[in-house]
């Protein structure tokens, strides 16, 4: 499990100097500095320069810094990647480069050939990407996956549903792939940033499915995501009691324990230790 929590992953436009400054004080676990969808075409080049300057000078603390570049099939993608590579060599802090619309491992290879200094993340937002999720997750340079549910819905021609039924096949394929290869995976955005109840429901669904966190489009969404993807006090208490009971059972020569009327085996202890590790990581982040 990553020591860095990814409960809340906030998109910040690379062209907005005020937003870049404000982000240094926001309670998010990670920031996606966006040079792609959040930046108008006539601002692309200037946004790149603004972002490089911010990454060299601003103090983002222990928040993970992820830069979403434009695709290499655009006029800006190659120079985005090369600029980030230069910025890294000049002392900028960049934790990962996020590649849009990853369809196959070849899309990762193309960026890996341009920058060797930083892990890669993949936007999973196309039908082909869903079908190739296993191969993408297995890529040696890949560290994390981000669900791009808006673009996926557009490609599918699906309707919005509160239960996200049209998204579930793609979400499930990517989750399975990420978990199989030990990669970080964060859920897609919730567009109605003023709808706290709807956001909470979608965060709870994502957490129940196994996502590590959620991408967000507005600072107002941070508190809900942080709470949803952090272990609850009840979960922490149960994990501690399970570990204690299992240790006692083993000391008495038994292979299982009973806690709250339920069998506790070694597999439950693995989960319990993961919960405590995540709680510790969240505490350290705070």
C-alpha atoms as a PDB file:
ATOM      1  CA  UNK A   1       0.000   0.000   0.000  1.00  0.00           C
ATOM      2  CA  UNK A   2       1.260   3.447  -0.863  1.00  0.00           C
ATOM      3  CA  UNK A   3       2.332   5.503   2.160  1.00  0.00           C
ATOM      4  CA  UNK A   4       0.882   8.538   0.368  1.00  0.00           C
ATOM      5  CA  UNK A   5      -2.915   8.685   0.706  1.00  0.00           C
ATOM      6  CA  UNK A   6      -4.964   9.610  -2.365  1.00  0.00           C
ATOM      7  CA  UNK A   7      -8.382  10.209  -0.782  1.00  0.00           C
ATOM      8  CA  UNK A   8      -8.841  13.551  -2.506  1.00  0.00           C
ATOM      9  CA  UNK A   9      -7.183  14.328  -5.845  1.00  0.00           C
ATOM     10  CA  UNK A  10      -8.034  17.863  -6.942  1.00  0.00           C
ATOM     11  CA  UNK A  11      -7.795  19.152 -10.519  1.00  0.00           C
ATOM     12  CA  UNK A  12      -6.205  22.615 -10.761  1.00  0.00           C
ATOM     13  CA  UNK A  13      -5.935  24.416 -14.140  1.00  0.00           C
ATOM     14  CA  UNK A  14      -2.311  25.070 -14.994  1.00  0.00           C
ATOM     15  CA  UNK A  15      -3.249  28.449 -16.446  1.00  0.00           C
ATOM     16  CA  UNK A  16      -4.758  29.893 -13.253  1.00  0.00           C
ATOM     17  CA  UNK A  17      -2.028  31.490 -11.150  1.00  0.00           C
ATOM     18  CA  UNK A  18      -4.405  32.349  -8.300  1.00  0.00           C
ATOM     19  CA  UNK A  19      -5.691  28.780  -8.143  1.00  0.00           C
ATOM     20  CA  UNK A  20      -2.146  27.410  -8.179  1.00  0.00           C
ATOM     21  CA  UNK A  21      -1.283  29.656  -5.261  1.00  0.00           C
ATOM     22  CA  UNK A  22      -4.435  28.815  -3.328  1.00  0.00           C
ATOM     23  CA  UNK A  23      -3.794  25.082  -3.743  1.00  0.00           C
ATOM     24  CA  UNK A  24      -0.806  25.294  -1.402  1.00  0.00           C
ATOM     25  CA  UNK A  25      -3.239  25.565   1.499  1.00  0.00           C
ATOM     26  CA  UNK A  26      -5.991  23.155   0.471  1.00  0.00           C
ATOM     27  CA  UNK A  27      -6.680  19.939   2.366  1.00  0.00           C
ATOM     28  CA  UNK A  28      -6.208  17.587  -0.579  1.00  0.00           C
ATOM     29  CA  UNK A  29      -3.934  14.555  -0.664  1.00  0.00           C
ATOM     30  CA  UNK A  30      -2.900  15.119  -4.277  1.00  0.00           C
ATOM     31  CA  UNK A  31      -3.189  17.733  -7.000  1.00  0.00           C
ATOM     32  CA  UNK A  32      -3.578  17.135 -10.711  1.00  0.00           C
ATOM     33  CA  UNK A  33      -2.088  20.217 -12.346  1.00  0.00           C
ATOM     34  CA  UNK A  34      -4.025  20.203 -15.584  1.00  0.00           C
ATOM     35  CA  UNK A  35      -2.639  21.330 -18.931  1.00  0.00           C
ATOM     36  CA  UNK A  36      -5.283  19.443 -20.920  1.00  0.00           C
ATOM     37  CA  UNK A  37      -9.073  19.841 -20.619  1.00  0.00           C
ATOM     38  CA  UNK A  38      -9.026  22.712 -18.114  1.00  0.00           C
ATOM     39  CA  UNK A  39      -6.903  24.965 -20.346  1.00  0.00           C
ATOM     40  CA  UNK A  40      -8.221  26.798 -23.418  1.00  0.00           C
ATOM     41  CA  UNK A  41      -6.371  26.289 -26.691  1.00  0.00           C
ATOM     42  CA  UNK A  42      -5.019  29.831 -26.823  1.00  0.00           C
ATOM     43  CA  UNK A  43      -3.669  29.476 -23.263  1.00  0.00           C
ATOM     44  CA  UNK A  44      -1.856  26.157 -23.708  1.00  0.00           C
ATOM     45  CA  UNK A  45       1.685  27.470 -24.122  1.00  0.00           C
ATOM     46  CA  UNK A  46       1.361  30.131 -21.443  1.00  0.00           C
ATOM     47  CA  UNK A  47      -0.177  27.643 -19.012  1.00  0.00           C
ATOM     48  CA  UNK A  48       2.852  25.391 -19.400  1.00  0.00           C
ATOM     49  CA  UNK A  49       5.193  28.224 -18.418  1.00  0.00           C
ATOM     50  CA  UNK A  50       2.994  29.302 -15.503  1.00  0.00           C
ATOM     51  CA  UNK A  51       2.845  25.755 -14.168  1.00  0.00           C
ATOM     52  CA  UNK A  52       6.590  25.153 -14.444  1.00  0.00           C
ATOM     53  CA  UNK A  53       7.216  28.319 -12.471  1.00  0.00           C
ATOM     54  CA  UNK A  54       4.757  27.266  -9.763  1.00  0.00           C
ATOM     55  CA  UNK A  55       6.254  23.792  -9.455  1.00  0.00           C
ATOM     56  CA  UNK A  56       9.685  25.311  -8.988  1.00  0.00           C
ATOM     57  CA  UNK A  57       8.723  27.928  -6.409  1.00  0.00           C
ATOM     58  CA  UNK A  58       5.480  27.049  -4.607  1.00  0.00           C
ATOM     59  CA  UNK A  59       5.396  24.881  -1.496  1.00  0.00           C
ATOM     60  CA  UNK A  60       2.742  22.194  -1.900  1.00  0.00           C
ATOM     61  CA  UNK A  61       3.855  20.375   1.223  1.00  0.00           C
ATOM     62  CA  UNK A  62       3.281  16.639   1.252  1.00  0.00           C
ATOM     63  CA  UNK A  63       0.560  16.713  -1.383  1.00  0.00           C
ATOM     64  CA  UNK A  64       1.352  14.502  -4.380  1.00  0.00           C
ATOM     65  CA  UNK A  65       2.003  16.615  -7.485  1.00  0.00           C
ATOM     66  CA  UNK A  66       0.679  15.078 -10.691  1.00  0.00           C
ATOM     67  CA  UNK A  67       0.842  16.929 -14.022  1.00  0.00           C
ATOM     68  CA  UNK A  68      -1.717  16.045 -16.688  1.00  0.00           C
ATOM     69  CA  UNK A  69      -0.153  16.817 -20.049  1.00  0.00           C
ATOM     70  CA  UNK A  70      -1.854  17.060 -23.405  1.00  0.00           C
ATOM     71  CA  UNK A  71      -1.802  13.957 -25.561  1.00  0.00           C
ATOM     72  CA  UNK A  72       1.175  13.397 -27.838  1.00  0.00           C
ATOM     73  CA  UNK A  73      -1.231  13.489 -30.774  1.00  0.00           C
ATOM     74  CA  UNK A  74      -1.850  17.213 -30.116  1.00  0.00           C
ATOM     75  CA  UNK A  75       0.253  20.274 -30.913  1.00  0.00           C
ATOM     76  CA  UNK A  76       1.243  20.680 -27.252  1.00  0.00           C
ATOM     77  CA  UNK A  77       1.736  17.218 -25.779  1.00  0.00           C
ATOM     78  CA  UNK A  78       5.351  16.540 -26.703  1.00  0.00           C
ATOM     79  CA  UNK A  79       6.555  19.923 -25.452  1.00  0.00           C
ATOM     80  CA  UNK A  80       4.457  19.517 -22.287  1.00  0.00           C
ATOM     81  CA  UNK A  81       6.358  16.324 -21.470  1.00  0.00           C
ATOM     82  CA  UNK A  82       9.758  17.725 -22.418  1.00  0.00           C
ATOM     83  CA  UNK A  83       9.090  20.863 -20.354  1.00  0.00           C
ATOM     84  CA  UNK A  84       8.278  18.744 -17.302  1.00  0.00           C
ATOM     85  CA  UNK A  85      11.453  16.727 -17.842  1.00  0.00           C
ATOM     86  CA  UNK A  86      13.493  19.937 -17.952  1.00  0.00           C
ATOM     87  CA  UNK A  87      11.698  21.301 -14.903  1.00  0.00           C
ATOM     88  CA  UNK A  88      12.547  18.164 -12.943  1.00  0.00           C
ATOM     89  CA  UNK A  89      16.210  18.539 -13.784  1.00  0.00           C
ATOM     90  CA  UNK A  90      16.012  22.182 -12.683  1.00  0.00           C
ATOM     91  CA  UNK A  91      14.636  21.298  -9.265  1.00  0.00           C
ATOM     92  CA  UNK A  92      10.858  21.287  -9.718  1.00  0.00           C
ATOM     93  CA  UNK A  93       8.951  18.794  -7.595  1.00  0.00           C
ATOM     94  CA  UNK A  94       6.794  16.576  -9.807  1.00  0.00           C
ATOM     95  CA  UNK A  95       5.631  13.201  -8.520  1.00  0.00           C
ATOM     96  CA  UNK A  96       4.010  11.869 -11.695  1.00  0.00           C
ATOM     97  CA  UNK A  97       2.947  12.694 -15.234  1.00  0.00           C
ATOM     98  CA  UNK A  98      -0.644  11.844 -16.108  1.00  0.00           C
ATOM     99  CA  UNK A  99      -1.272  10.847 -19.720  1.00  0.00           C
ATOM    100  CA  UNK A 100      -4.757  11.429 -21.180  1.00  0.00           C
ATOM    101  CA  UNK A 101      -6.772   8.835 -23.067  1.00  0.00           C
ATOM    102  CA  UNK A 102      -4.446   5.881 -22.648  1.00  0.00           C
ATOM    103  CA  UNK A 103      -5.639   3.155 -25.004  1.00  0.00           C
ATOM    104  CA  UNK A 104      -2.703   0.732 -24.964  1.00  0.00           C
ATOM    105  CA  UNK A 105       0.694   0.338 -23.251  1.00  0.00           C
ATOM    106  CA  UNK A 106       2.230   1.939 -26.353  1.00  0.00           C
ATOM    107  CA  UNK A 107       0.779   5.268 -25.213  1.00  0.00           C
ATOM    108  CA  UNK A 108       2.797   4.930 -22.013  1.00  0.00           C
ATOM    109  CA  UNK A 109       5.901   3.855 -23.921  1.00  0.00           C
ATOM    110  CA  UNK A 110       5.776   7.003 -26.034  1.00  0.00           C
ATOM    111  CA  UNK A 111       5.881   9.256 -22.974  1.00  0.00           C
ATOM    112  CA  UNK A 112       8.372   7.049 -21.140  1.00  0.00           C
ATOM    113  CA  UNK A 113      10.783   7.556 -24.037  1.00  0.00           C
ATOM    114  CA  UNK A 114      10.648  11.334 -23.461  1.00  0.00           C
ATOM    115  CA  UNK A 115      10.962  11.500 -19.669  1.00  0.00           C
ATOM    116  CA  UNK A 116      12.839   9.072 -17.476  1.00  0.00           C
ATOM    117  CA  UNK A 117      12.750  10.918 -14.180  1.00  0.00           C
ATOM    118  CA  UNK A 118       9.171  10.434 -12.997  1.00  0.00           C
ATOM    119  CA  UNK A 119       6.451   7.772 -12.673  1.00  0.00           C
ATOM    120  CA  UNK A 120       3.564   7.731 -15.152  1.00  0.00           C
ATOM    121  CA  UNK A 121      -0.167   7.710 -14.497  1.00  0.00           C
ATOM    122  CA  UNK A 122      -2.866   6.812 -17.014  1.00  0.00           C
ATOM    123  CA  UNK A 123      -6.234   8.447 -17.651  1.00  0.00           C
ATOM    124  CA  UNK A 124      -8.643   5.560 -18.203  1.00  0.00           C
ATOM    125  CA  UNK A 125     -11.399   7.153 -20.240  1.00  0.00           C
ATOM    126  CA  UNK A 126     -11.898   5.236 -23.487  1.00  0.00           C
ATOM    127  CA  UNK A 127     -13.566   1.963 -24.383  1.00  0.00           C
ATOM    128  CA  UNK A 128     -10.289   0.641 -25.761  1.00  0.00           C
ATOM    129  CA  UNK A 129      -8.532   1.631 -22.556  1.00  0.00           C
ATOM    130  CA  UNK A 130     -11.067  -0.355 -20.540  1.00  0.00           C
ATOM    131  CA  UNK A 131     -10.491  -3.436 -22.685  1.00  0.00           C
ATOM    132  CA  UNK A 132      -6.705  -3.071 -22.340  1.00  0.00           C
ATOM    133  CA  UNK A 133      -6.722  -2.207 -18.628  1.00  0.00           C
ATOM    134  CA  UNK A 134      -4.706  -5.264 -17.613  1.00  0.00           C
ATOM    135  CA  UNK A 135      -1.898  -4.592 -20.079  1.00  0.00           C
ATOM    136  CA  UNK A 136      -1.839  -0.906 -19.125  1.00  0.00           C
ATOM    137  CA  UNK A 137      -1.706  -1.678 -15.399  1.00  0.00           C
ATOM    138  CA  UNK A 138       1.172  -4.103 -15.976  1.00  0.00           C
ATOM    139  CA  UNK A 139       3.381  -1.412 -17.540  1.00  0.00           C
ATOM    140  CA  UNK A 140       6.582  -1.094 -15.460  1.00  0.00           C
ATOM    141  CA  UNK A 141       6.533   2.720 -15.418  1.00  0.00           C
ATOM    142  CA  UNK A 142       2.883   3.001 -14.404  1.00  0.00           C
ATOM    143  CA  UNK A 143       2.176   4.061 -10.830  1.00  0.00           C
ATOM    144  CA  UNK A 144      -1.485   5.008 -10.911  1.00  0.00           C
ATOM    145  CA  UNK A 145      -4.726   5.092 -12.877  1.00  0.00           C
ATOM    146  CA  UNK A 146      -7.384   7.816 -12.954  1.00  0.00           C
ATOM    147  CA  UNK A 147     -10.910   7.122 -14.119  1.00  0.00           C
ATOM    148  CA  UNK A 148     -12.116   9.646 -16.702  1.00  0.00           C
ATOM    149  CA  UNK A 149     -15.815   8.954 -16.406  1.00  0.00           C
ATOM    150  CA  UNK A 150     -16.973  12.052 -18.288  1.00  0.00           C
ATOM    151  CA  UNK A 151     -15.063  11.141 -21.436  1.00  0.00           C
ATOM    152  CA  UNK A 152     -16.024   7.497 -21.081  1.00  0.00           C
ATOM    153  CA  UNK A 153     -19.723   8.431 -20.816  1.00  0.00           C
ATOM    154  CA  UNK A 154     -19.367  10.590 -23.924  1.00  0.00           C
ATOM    155  CA  UNK A 155     -17.797   7.729 -25.873  1.00  0.00           C
ATOM    156  CA  UNK A 156     -20.379   5.221 -24.671  1.00  0.00           C
ATOM    157  CA  UNK A 157     -23.296   7.569 -25.272  1.00  0.00           C
ATOM    158  CA  UNK A 158     -24.550   6.628 -21.824  1.00  0.00           C
ATOM    159  CA  UNK A 159     -26.954   8.571 -19.637  1.00  0.00           C
ATOM    160  CA  UNK A 160     -26.187   9.825 -16.145  1.00  0.00           C
ATOM    161  CA  UNK A 161     -27.545   7.596 -13.413  1.00  0.00           C
ATOM    162  CA  UNK A 162     -27.022   8.053  -9.692  1.00  0.00           C
ATOM    163  CA  UNK A 163     -26.068   4.381  -9.405  1.00  0.00           C
ATOM    164  CA  UNK A 164     -23.545   4.760 -12.276  1.00  0.00           C
ATOM    165  CA  UNK A 165     -24.740   1.512 -13.822  1.00  0.00           C
ATOM    166  CA  UNK A 166     -23.301   2.330 -17.295  1.00  0.00           C
ATOM    167  CA  UNK A 167     -19.879   2.980 -15.720  1.00  0.00           C
ATOM    168  CA  UNK A 168     -19.655  -0.195 -13.656  1.00  0.00           C
ATOM    169  CA  UNK A 169     -18.126  -2.502 -16.297  1.00  0.00           C
ATOM    170  CA  UNK A 170     -15.303  -0.058 -17.007  1.00  0.00           C
ATOM    171  CA  UNK A 171     -14.789   0.833 -13.362  1.00  0.00           C
ATOM    172  CA  UNK A 172     -14.614  -2.843 -12.477  1.00  0.00           C
ATOM    173  CA  UNK A 173     -12.147  -3.742 -15.221  1.00  0.00           C
ATOM    174  CA  UNK A 174      -9.784  -0.959 -14.195  1.00  0.00           C
ATOM    175  CA  UNK A 175     -10.099  -1.771 -10.500  1.00  0.00           C
ATOM    176  CA  UNK A 176      -9.263  -5.412 -11.101  1.00  0.00           C
ATOM    177  CA  UNK A 177      -6.263  -4.467 -13.222  1.00  0.00           C
ATOM    178  CA  UNK A 178      -4.941  -1.911 -10.736  1.00  0.00           C
ATOM    179  CA  UNK A 179      -5.309  -4.222  -7.761  1.00  0.00           C
ATOM    180  CA  UNK A 180      -3.741  -7.149  -9.624  1.00  0.00           C
ATOM    181  CA  UNK A 181      -0.583  -5.121 -10.262  1.00  0.00           C
ATOM    182  CA  UNK A 182      -0.497  -3.051  -7.075  1.00  0.00           C
ATOM    183  CA  UNK A 183      -1.219   0.297  -8.709  1.00  0.00           C
ATOM    184  CA  UNK A 184      -3.025   3.306  -7.234  1.00  0.00           C
ATOM    185  CA  UNK A 185      -6.469   3.922  -8.701  1.00  0.00           C
ATOM    186  CA  UNK A 186      -8.759   6.912  -8.131  1.00  0.00           C
ATOM    187  CA  UNK A 187     -12.386   7.325  -9.132  1.00  0.00           C
ATOM    188  CA  UNK A 188     -13.770   9.836 -11.621  1.00  0.00           C
ATOM    189  CA  UNK A 189     -15.180  13.274 -10.835  1.00  0.00           C
ATOM    190  CA  UNK A 190     -18.623  14.195  -9.574  1.00  0.00           C
ATOM    191  CA  UNK A 191     -19.755  17.138 -11.691  1.00  0.00           C
ATOM    192  CA  UNK A 192     -22.407  18.693  -9.438  1.00  0.00           C
ATOM    193  CA  UNK A 193     -19.952  20.272  -7.009  1.00  0.00           C
ATOM    194  CA  UNK A 194     -22.701  21.886  -4.918  1.00  0.00           C
ATOM    195  CA  UNK A 195     -24.534  18.579  -4.421  1.00  0.00           C
ATOM    196  CA  UNK A 196     -22.877  17.325  -1.246  1.00  0.00           C
ATOM    197  CA  UNK A 197     -25.342  14.485  -0.708  1.00  0.00           C
ATOM    198  CA  UNK A 198     -24.835  13.150  -4.227  1.00  0.00           C
ATOM    199  CA  UNK A 199     -21.069  13.439  -3.902  1.00  0.00           C
ATOM    200  CA  UNK A 200     -21.099  11.562  -0.613  1.00  0.00           C
ATOM    201  CA  UNK A 201     -23.142   8.749  -2.136  1.00  0.00           C
ATOM    202  CA  UNK A 202     -20.760   8.442  -5.077  1.00  0.00           C
ATOM    203  CA  UNK A 203     -17.710   8.558  -2.802  1.00  0.00           C
ATOM    204  CA  UNK A 204     -19.212   5.827  -0.624  1.00  0.00           C
ATOM    205  CA  UNK A 205     -19.855   3.725  -3.718  1.00  0.00           C
ATOM    206  CA  UNK A 206     -16.282   4.206  -4.932  1.00  0.00           C
ATOM    207  CA  UNK A 207     -14.843   3.397  -1.520  1.00  0.00           C
ATOM    208  CA  UNK A 208     -17.015   0.283  -1.243  1.00  0.00           C
ATOM    209  CA  UNK A 209     -15.761  -0.840  -4.652  1.00  0.00           C
ATOM    210  CA  UNK A 210     -12.126  -0.437  -3.609  1.00  0.00           C
ATOM    211  CA  UNK A 211     -10.956   2.861  -5.092  1.00  0.00           C
ATOM    212  CA  UNK A 212      -8.155   4.627  -3.226  1.00  0.00           C
ATOM    213  CA  UNK A 213      -9.800   8.028  -3.583  1.00  0.00           C
ATOM    214  CA  UNK A 214     -11.689  10.361  -5.871  1.00  0.00           C
ATOM    215  CA  UNK A 215     -10.778  13.053  -8.344  1.00  0.00           C
ATOM    216  CA  UNK A 216     -12.465  16.370  -7.589  1.00  0.00           C
ATOM    217  CA  UNK A 217     -13.238  19.527  -9.528  1.00  0.00           C
ATOM    218  CA  UNK A 218     -13.798  21.996  -6.669  1.00  0.00           C
ATOM    219  CA  UNK A 219     -12.300  22.588  -3.208  1.00  0.00           C
ATOM    220  CA  UNK A 220     -15.812  22.402  -1.734  1.00  0.00           C
ATOM    221  CA  UNK A 221     -15.704  18.645  -2.393  1.00  0.00           C
ATOM    222  CA  UNK A 222     -12.557  17.963  -0.365  1.00  0.00           C
ATOM    223  CA  UNK A 223     -14.039  17.337   3.070  1.00  0.00           C
ATOM    224  CA  UNK A 224     -16.554  14.777   1.815  1.00  0.00           C
ATOM    225  CA  UNK A 225     -13.948  12.804  -0.129  1.00  0.00           C
ATOM    226  CA  UNK A 226     -11.407  12.910   2.679  1.00  0.00           C
ATOM    227  CA  UNK A 227     -13.935  11.515   5.129  1.00  0.00           C
ATOM    228  CA  UNK A 228     -15.300   8.865   2.771  1.00  0.00           C
ATOM    229  CA  UNK A 229     -11.942   7.387   1.816  1.00  0.00           C
ATOM    230  CA  UNK A 230     -10.366   7.443   5.278  1.00  0.00           C
ATOM    231  CA  UNK A 231     -10.855   4.502   7.647  1.00  0.00           C
ATOM    232  CA  UNK A 232     -13.633   5.228  10.113  1.00  0.00           C
ATOM    233  CA  UNK A 233     -13.110   5.013  13.876  1.00  0.00           C
ATOM    234  CA  UNK A 234     -15.251   1.879  13.882  1.00  0.00           C
ATOM    235  CA  UNK A 235     -13.094   0.276  11.192  1.00  0.00           C
ATOM    236  CA  UNK A 236      -9.903   1.169  13.054  1.00  0.00           C
ATOM    237  CA  UNK A 237     -11.276  -0.203  16.328  1.00  0.00           C
ATOM    238  CA  UNK A 238     -12.382  -3.443  14.693  1.00  0.00           C
ATOM    239  CA  UNK A 239      -9.021  -3.867  12.947  1.00  0.00           C
ATOM    240  CA  UNK A 240      -7.156  -3.499  16.240  1.00  0.00           C
ATOM    241  CA  UNK A 241      -9.432  -5.957  18.000  1.00  0.00           C
ATOM    242  CA  UNK A 242      -9.122  -8.470  15.167  1.00  0.00           C
ATOM    243  CA  UNK A 243      -5.329  -8.320  15.262  1.00  0.00           C
ATOM    244  CA  UNK A 244      -5.241  -8.669  19.053  1.00  0.00           C
ATOM    245  CA  UNK A 245      -7.667 -11.604  19.033  1.00  0.00           C
ATOM    246  CA  UNK A 246      -5.831 -13.363  16.211  1.00  0.00           C
ATOM    247  CA  UNK A 247      -2.463 -12.915  17.926  1.00  0.00           C
ATOM    248  CA  UNK A 248      -3.927 -14.404  21.104  1.00  0.00           C
ATOM    249  CA  UNK A 249      -5.438 -17.306  19.178  1.00  0.00           C
ATOM    250  CA  UNK A 250      -2.121 -18.071  17.526  1.00  0.00           C
ATOM    251  CA  UNK A 251      -0.327 -17.921  20.877  1.00  0.00           C
ATOM    252  CA  UNK A 252      -2.773 -20.580  22.056  1.00  0.00           C
ATOM    253  CA  UNK A 253      -2.062 -22.762  19.029  1.00  0.00           C
ATOM    254  CA  UNK A 254      -5.252 -21.882  17.157  1.00  0.00           C
ATOM    255  CA  UNK A 255      -5.526 -20.802  13.525  1.00  0.00           C
ATOM    256  CA  UNK A 256      -8.630 -18.645  13.803  1.00  0.00           C
ATOM    257  CA  UNK A 257     -10.178 -16.207  16.262  1.00  0.00           C
ATOM    258  CA  UNK A 258     -13.698 -14.920  16.854  1.00  0.00           C
ATOM    259  CA  UNK A 259     -14.527 -11.212  17.074  1.00  0.00           C
ATOM    260  CA  UNK A 260     -18.084  -9.913  17.379  1.00  0.00           C
ATOM    261  CA  UNK A 261     -19.378 -13.380  16.591  1.00  0.00           C
ATOM    262  CA  UNK A 262     -17.461 -13.627  13.310  1.00  0.00           C
ATOM    263  CA  UNK A 263     -14.538 -15.828  12.330  1.00  0.00           C
ATOM    264  CA  UNK A 264     -11.240 -14.004  11.901  1.00  0.00           C
ATOM    265  CA  UNK A 265      -8.617 -15.695   9.719  1.00  0.00           C
ATOM    266  CA  UNK A 266      -5.256 -14.590   8.397  1.00  0.00           C
ATOM    267  CA  UNK A 267      -6.842 -12.931   5.341  1.00  0.00           C
ATOM    268  CA  UNK A 268      -8.863 -10.688   7.668  1.00  0.00           C
ATOM    269  CA  UNK A 269      -5.652  -9.721   9.463  1.00  0.00           C
ATOM    270  CA  UNK A 270      -4.090  -8.663   6.160  1.00  0.00           C
ATOM    271  CA  UNK A 271      -7.048  -6.340   5.595  1.00  0.00           C
ATOM    272  CA  UNK A 272      -6.920  -5.124   9.196  1.00  0.00           C
ATOM    273  CA  UNK A 273      -3.253  -4.184   8.884  1.00  0.00           C
ATOM    274  CA  UNK A 274      -3.975  -2.361   5.609  1.00  0.00           C
ATOM    275  CA  UNK A 275      -6.696  -0.342   7.351  1.00  0.00           C
ATOM    276  CA  UNK A 276      -4.330   0.654  10.154  1.00  0.00           C
ATOM    277  CA  UNK A 277      -1.583   1.527   7.675  1.00  0.00           C
ATOM    278  CA  UNK A 278      -3.972   3.755   5.737  1.00  0.00           C
ATOM    279  CA  UNK A 279      -5.150   5.404   8.948  1.00  0.00           C
ATOM    280  CA  UNK A 280      -1.533   6.087   9.871  1.00  0.00           C
ATOM    281  CA  UNK A 281      -0.823   7.535   6.418  1.00  0.00           C
ATOM    282  CA  UNK A 282      -3.863   9.810   6.670  1.00  0.00           C
ATOM    283  CA  UNK A 283      -2.791  10.925  10.136  1.00  0.00           C
ATOM    284  CA  UNK A 284       0.691  11.722   8.875  1.00  0.00           C
ATOM    285  CA  UNK A 285      -0.824  13.643   5.940  1.00  0.00           C
ATOM    286  CA  UNK A 286      -2.894  15.774   8.321  1.00  0.00           C
END
